[in-house]
Amino acid sequence: MKERRALILSLATLVIYTLLIFSITVTPWTILRNVTGTLENSPFLHGLSYIISVGIGFSGTMFGFVSGRFRTDREVIRGMGSLIARYYEYFIILFFVVQFFISLTYSRLPEWLHIGSSSLHLLFLACCYLPLAWIILRKE
């Protein structure tokens, strides 16, 4: 019963957060639009992944507090640290993958080799998600 209530409040938090972001994005001349008032090349599109992660973080923290898994803010930080401790290999691999692709685009080598940006983006996604799948699915 306690977890069901926590799930309902967590979903309500996510819905309220989504409506808040929607209201400051869709209405004309709001803070998340660009200078001309459109969504093209706007702060909303540039920060979409951060906006989504903050919403998921809010709802997850709400679930933890209501269900009783988190009692203080220190336990929230400890929970975040345990994620990093569990998947430290992936974060190290991800750091080097990102550095490699940033160096590759800075050197403009893909343009010289006539590799399209969509192909490079797909290769980047594969290099990011394949190690994650390998780390999650391996048996320890």
C-alpha atoms as a PDB file:
ATOM      1  CA  MET A   1       0.000   0.000   0.000  1.00  0.00           C
ATOM      2  CA  LYS A   2       2.831   2.361   0.892  1.00  0.00           C
ATOM      3  CA  GLU A   3       4.613   1.729  -2.401  1.00  0.00           C
ATOM      4  CA  ARG A   4       1.398   2.179  -4.374  1.00  0.00           C
ATOM      5  CA  ARG A   5       0.878   5.590  -2.757  1.00  0.00           C
ATOM      6  CA  ALA A   6       4.518   6.439  -3.460  1.00  0.00           C
ATOM      7  CA  LEU A   7       4.097   5.447  -7.103  1.00  0.00           C
ATOM      8  CA  ILE A   8       0.958   7.570  -7.459  1.00  0.00           C
ATOM      9  CA  LEU A   9       2.635  10.615  -5.879  1.00  0.00           C
ATOM     10  CA  SER A  10       5.723  10.054  -7.996  1.00  0.00           C
ATOM     11  CA  LEU A  11       3.641   9.985 -11.170  1.00  0.00           C
ATOM     12  CA  ALA A  12       1.737  13.068  -9.993  1.00  0.00           C
ATOM     13  CA  THR A  13       5.060  14.852  -9.471  1.00  0.00           C
ATOM     14  CA  LEU A  14       6.145  13.877 -12.979  1.00  0.00           C
ATOM     15  CA  VAL A  15       2.845  15.088 -14.474  1.00  0.00           C
ATOM     16  CA  ILE A  16       3.057  18.422 -12.621  1.00  0.00           C
ATOM     17  CA  TYR A  17       6.675  18.869 -13.735  1.00  0.00           C
ATOM     18  CA  THR A  18       5.721  18.051 -17.331  1.00  0.00           C
ATOM     19  CA  LEU A  19       2.835  20.517 -17.257  1.00  0.00           C
ATOM     20  CA  LEU A  20       5.127  23.199 -15.824  1.00  0.00           C
ATOM     21  CA  ILE A  21       7.716  22.673 -18.568  1.00  0.00           C
ATOM     22  CA  PHE A  22       4.937  22.531 -21.157  1.00  0.00           C
ATOM     23  CA  SER A  23       3.443  25.794 -19.902  1.00  0.00           C
ATOM     24  CA  ILE A  24       6.750  27.678 -20.055  1.00  0.00           C
ATOM     25  CA  THR A  25       7.558  26.257 -23.470  1.00  0.00           C
ATOM     26  CA  VAL A  26       4.381  26.292 -25.526  1.00  0.00           C
ATOM     27  CA  THR A  27       2.929  29.669 -24.660  1.00  0.00           C
ATOM     28  CA  PRO A  28       4.344  32.477 -26.813  1.00  0.00           C
ATOM     29  CA  TRP A  29       7.338  34.542 -25.679  1.00  0.00           C
ATOM     30  CA  THR A  30       8.306  32.433 -22.681  1.00  0.00           C
ATOM     31  CA  ILE A  31      11.707  31.811 -21.168  1.00  0.00           C
ATOM     32  CA  LEU A  32      12.463  28.524 -22.944  1.00  0.00           C
ATOM     33  CA  ARG A  33      11.929  29.906 -26.459  1.00  0.00           C
ATOM     34  CA  ASN A  34      14.611  31.626 -28.497  1.00  0.00           C
ATOM     35  CA  VAL A  35      14.870  35.358 -29.181  1.00  0.00           C
ATOM     36  CA  THR A  36      12.481  35.230 -32.133  1.00  0.00           C
ATOM     37  CA  GLY A  37       9.856  33.342 -30.116  1.00  0.00           C
ATOM     38  CA  THR A  38      10.168  29.945 -31.805  1.00  0.00           C
ATOM     39  CA  LEU A  39      11.420  26.606 -30.496  1.00  0.00           C
ATOM     40  CA  GLU A  40      14.011  26.254 -33.236  1.00  0.00           C
ATOM     41  CA  ASN A  41      17.520  26.578 -31.724  1.00  0.00           C
ATOM     42  CA  SER A  42      15.978  27.445 -28.349  1.00  0.00           C
ATOM     43  CA  PRO A  43      17.197  26.801 -24.785  1.00  0.00           C
ATOM     44  CA  PHE A  44      14.441  24.186 -24.517  1.00  0.00           C
ATOM     45  CA  LEU A  45      15.894  22.057 -27.307  1.00  0.00           C
ATOM     46  CA  HIS A  46      19.480  22.588 -26.142  1.00  0.00           C
ATOM     47  CA  GLY A  47      18.649  21.469 -22.614  1.00  0.00           C
ATOM     48  CA  LEU A  48      16.050  18.813 -23.318  1.00  0.00           C
ATOM     49  CA  SER A  49      18.115  15.936 -21.926  1.00  0.00           C
ATOM     50  CA  TYR A  50      18.749  17.888 -18.717  1.00  0.00           C
ATOM     51  CA  ILE A  51      15.079  18.817 -18.406  1.00  0.00           C
ATOM     52  CA  ILE A  52      14.113  15.147 -18.754  1.00  0.00           C
ATOM     53  CA  SER A  53      16.734  13.986 -16.246  1.00  0.00           C
ATOM     54  CA  VAL A  54      15.637  16.570 -13.663  1.00  0.00           C
ATOM     55  CA  GLY A  55      12.024  15.416 -14.034  1.00  0.00           C
ATOM     56  CA  ILE A  56      13.008  11.785 -13.569  1.00  0.00           C
ATOM     57  CA  GLY A  57      15.159  12.768 -10.592  1.00  0.00           C
ATOM     58  CA  PHE A  58      12.267  14.645  -8.962  1.00  0.00           C
ATOM     59  CA  SER A  59       9.859  11.756  -9.375  1.00  0.00           C
ATOM     60  CA  GLY A  60      12.422   9.194  -8.195  1.00  0.00           C
ATOM     61  CA  THR A  61      13.248  11.234  -5.113  1.00  0.00           C
ATOM     62  CA  MET A  62       9.547  11.649  -4.376  1.00  0.00           C
ATOM     63  CA  PHE A  63       9.087   7.892  -4.647  1.00  0.00           C
ATOM     64  CA  GLY A  64      12.020   7.284  -2.309  1.00  0.00           C
ATOM     65  CA  PHE A  65      10.770   9.677   0.383  1.00  0.00           C
ATOM     66  CA  VAL A  66       7.134   8.570   0.286  1.00  0.00           C
ATOM     67  CA  SER A  67       7.969   4.850   0.239  1.00  0.00           C
ATOM     68  CA  GLY A  68      10.360   5.255   3.159  1.00  0.00           C
ATOM     69  CA  ARG A  69      13.527   4.225   1.321  1.00  0.00           C
ATOM     70  CA  PHE A  70      14.950   7.723   1.772  1.00  0.00           C
ATOM     71  CA  ARG A  71      14.646   9.421   5.122  1.00  0.00           C
ATOM     72  CA  THR A  72      17.210  12.218   4.767  1.00  0.00           C
ATOM     73  CA  ASP A  73      18.937  14.041   1.966  1.00  0.00           C
ATOM     74  CA  ARG A  74      22.128  12.121   2.762  1.00  0.00           C
ATOM     75  CA  GLU A  75      20.436   8.892   1.734  1.00  0.00           C
ATOM     76  CA  VAL A  76      19.530  10.444  -1.636  1.00  0.00           C
ATOM     77  CA  ILE A  77      23.188  11.351  -2.195  1.00  0.00           C
ATOM     78  CA  ARG A  78      24.254   7.875  -1.049  1.00  0.00           C
ATOM     79  CA  GLY A  79      21.804   6.369  -3.554  1.00  0.00           C
ATOM     80  CA  MET A  80      23.290   8.451  -6.362  1.00  0.00           C
ATOM     81  CA  GLY A  81      26.778   7.434  -5.286  1.00  0.00           C
ATOM     82  CA  SER A  82      25.870   3.755  -5.309  1.00  0.00           C
ATOM     83  CA  LEU A  83      24.825   4.072  -8.947  1.00  0.00           C
ATOM     84  CA  ILE A  84      28.213   5.517  -9.830  1.00  0.00           C
ATOM     85  CA  ALA A  85      29.989   2.883  -7.734  1.00  0.00           C
ATOM     86  CA  ARG A  86      28.075   0.086  -9.447  1.00  0.00           C
ATOM     87  CA  TYR A  87      28.656   1.303 -12.992  1.00  0.00           C
ATOM     88  CA  TYR A  88      32.039   3.020 -12.652  1.00  0.00           C
ATOM     89  CA  GLU A  89      33.438   1.052 -15.603  1.00  0.00           C
ATOM     90  CA  TYR A  90      30.752   2.444 -17.886  1.00  0.00           C
ATOM     91  CA  PHE A  91      31.398   6.032 -16.810  1.00  0.00           C
ATOM     92  CA  ILE A  92      35.116   5.602 -17.513  1.00  0.00           C
ATOM     93  CA  ILE A  93      34.404   4.099 -20.949  1.00  0.00           C
ATOM     94  CA  LEU A  94      31.861   6.832 -21.662  1.00  0.00           C
ATOM     95  CA  PHE A  95      34.380   9.549 -20.748  1.00  0.00           C
ATOM     96  CA  PHE A  96      36.902   8.221 -23.263  1.00  0.00           C
ATOM     97  CA  VAL A  97      34.259   7.682 -25.971  1.00  0.00           C
ATOM     98  CA  VAL A  98      33.074  11.281 -25.640  1.00  0.00           C
ATOM     99  CA  GLN A  99      36.642  12.599 -25.665  1.00  0.00           C
ATOM    100  CA  PHE A 100      37.431  10.557 -28.773  1.00  0.00           C
ATOM    101  CA  PHE A 101      34.413  11.796 -30.714  1.00  0.00           C
ATOM    102  CA  ILE A 102      34.973  15.399 -29.660  1.00  0.00           C
ATOM    103  CA  SER A 103      38.579  15.152 -30.856  1.00  0.00           C
ATOM    104  CA  LEU A 104      37.412  13.509 -34.056  1.00  0.00           C
ATOM    105  CA  THR A 105      34.942  16.270 -34.868  1.00  0.00           C
ATOM    106  CA  TYR A 106      37.428  18.967 -33.831  1.00  0.00           C
ATOM    107  CA  SER A 107      40.011  17.601 -36.251  1.00  0.00           C
ATOM    108  CA  ARG A 108      37.354  17.413 -39.025  1.00  0.00           C
ATOM    109  CA  LEU A 109      38.642  13.989 -39.987  1.00  0.00           C
ATOM    110  CA  PRO A 110      35.132  12.654 -40.720  1.00  0.00           C
ATOM    111  CA  GLU A 111      34.641  15.421 -43.305  1.00  0.00           C
ATOM    112  CA  TRP A 112      37.964  14.550 -44.911  1.00  0.00           C
ATOM    113  CA  LEU A 113      36.990  10.871 -45.025  1.00  0.00           C
ATOM    114  CA  HIS A 114      33.489  11.781 -46.313  1.00  0.00           C
ATOM    115  CA  ILE A 115      31.678  10.291 -43.329  1.00  0.00           C
ATOM    116  CA  GLY A 116      28.259  11.870 -42.912  1.00  0.00           C
ATOM    117  CA  SER A 117      27.143  13.410 -39.657  1.00  0.00           C
ATOM    118  CA  SER A 118      24.268  10.937 -39.319  1.00  0.00           C
ATOM    119  CA  SER A 119      26.657   7.990 -39.671  1.00  0.00           C
ATOM    120  CA  LEU A 120      28.978   9.544 -37.129  1.00  0.00           C
ATOM    121  CA  HIS A 121      26.055  10.103 -34.765  1.00  0.00           C
ATOM    122  CA  LEU A 122      24.941   6.466 -35.093  1.00  0.00           C
ATOM    123  CA  LEU A 123      28.500   5.301 -34.430  1.00  0.00           C
ATOM    124  CA  PHE A 124      28.639   7.540 -31.361  1.00  0.00           C
ATOM    125  CA  LEU A 125      25.364   6.113 -30.028  1.00  0.00           C
ATOM    126  CA  ALA A 126      26.582   2.568 -30.637  1.00  0.00           C
ATOM    127  CA  CYS A 127      29.826   3.314 -28.788  1.00  0.00           C
ATOM    128  CA  CYS A 128      27.807   4.727 -25.874  1.00  0.00           C
ATOM    129  CA  TYR A 129      25.098   2.070 -25.551  1.00  0.00           C
ATOM    130  CA  LEU A 130      26.947  -1.143 -26.405  1.00  0.00           C
ATOM    131  CA  PRO A 131      29.290  -0.920 -23.369  1.00  0.00           C
ATOM    132  CA  LEU A 132      26.275  -0.170 -21.167  1.00  0.00           C
ATOM    133  CA  ALA A 133      24.458  -3.249 -22.469  1.00  0.00           C
ATOM    134  CA  TRP A 134      27.612  -5.331 -21.966  1.00  0.00           C
ATOM    135  CA  ILE A 135      28.044  -4.146 -18.368  1.00  0.00           C
ATOM    136  CA  ILE A 136      24.379  -4.653 -17.477  1.00  0.00           C
ATOM    137  CA  LEU A 137      24.026  -8.090 -19.085  1.00  0.00           C
ATOM    138  CA  ARG A 138      27.291  -9.665 -17.971  1.00  0.00           C
ATOM    139  CA  LYS A 139      27.259 -12.063 -15.077  1.00  0.00           C
ATOM    140  CA  GLU A 140      29.375 -11.206 -12.094  1.00  0.00           C
END
